[in-house]
């Protein structure tokens, strides 16, 4: 994290967005390789090729901070950006810098007006640049792998403001095991599974019906 912070700064300020993105991709690849040292393995199943050159909204269950590196690396061709709580926007080397400067948004959970404004700008950003935005609609991570009920407001805003986008549901399993004791000790031999489901055109569904469909699909593939 300390090494990649100045690398990101140099890439962004000297070479621009594409160089910065590659530095973030490689940063997350390095995190995955560090997890391999602990015997962590990754079972990534992408059911079908995802559409190119279109805005995408990636919807995932949330089990730990370790959900993020596989998404960034394995879906790097789709430029994933994140919806994150504002507290993560400072104080964490590499991660905070990328959240502030890489296209992600930071929302205040206790300030609905600010959060709504950021979500609308995020939808506009995804449409303009045809990139992907990642949302964890449970709000907070599941500490035991059991999925929580989806909070709908964020999804409804994105779906209504970006009807031309596609939604890609992702089911994540066993990530919670990596953080069951916090950051130490790290367990050995965890097999993290990520199942990327087929893309769905948002404009083909009523927004609330689509949320129900996506939530059911994600949760039906979670095995705590």
Foldseek 3Di string as FASTA:
>chain_A
DQVLQVVLVCCPVPPRQVSNLVSVLVVLVVVVVVQVVLQEAEAEAEPDDADPPAQEEEEEAAADPNVPSVCCHVVVNQQEAEEEAQVLLDDDGPRNVCCVPNLHDHDHPVDVVRRLVRLLVSLVVCGVRVHYYYDHQQPDHDLPQQGDDGDQPSQLSNLVNNQQYKYKYKAKEQPSQQQNVHPPPGHGNTYIYIYIDYIGRSNVDDSVVVVVVRVVVRNVPGDD
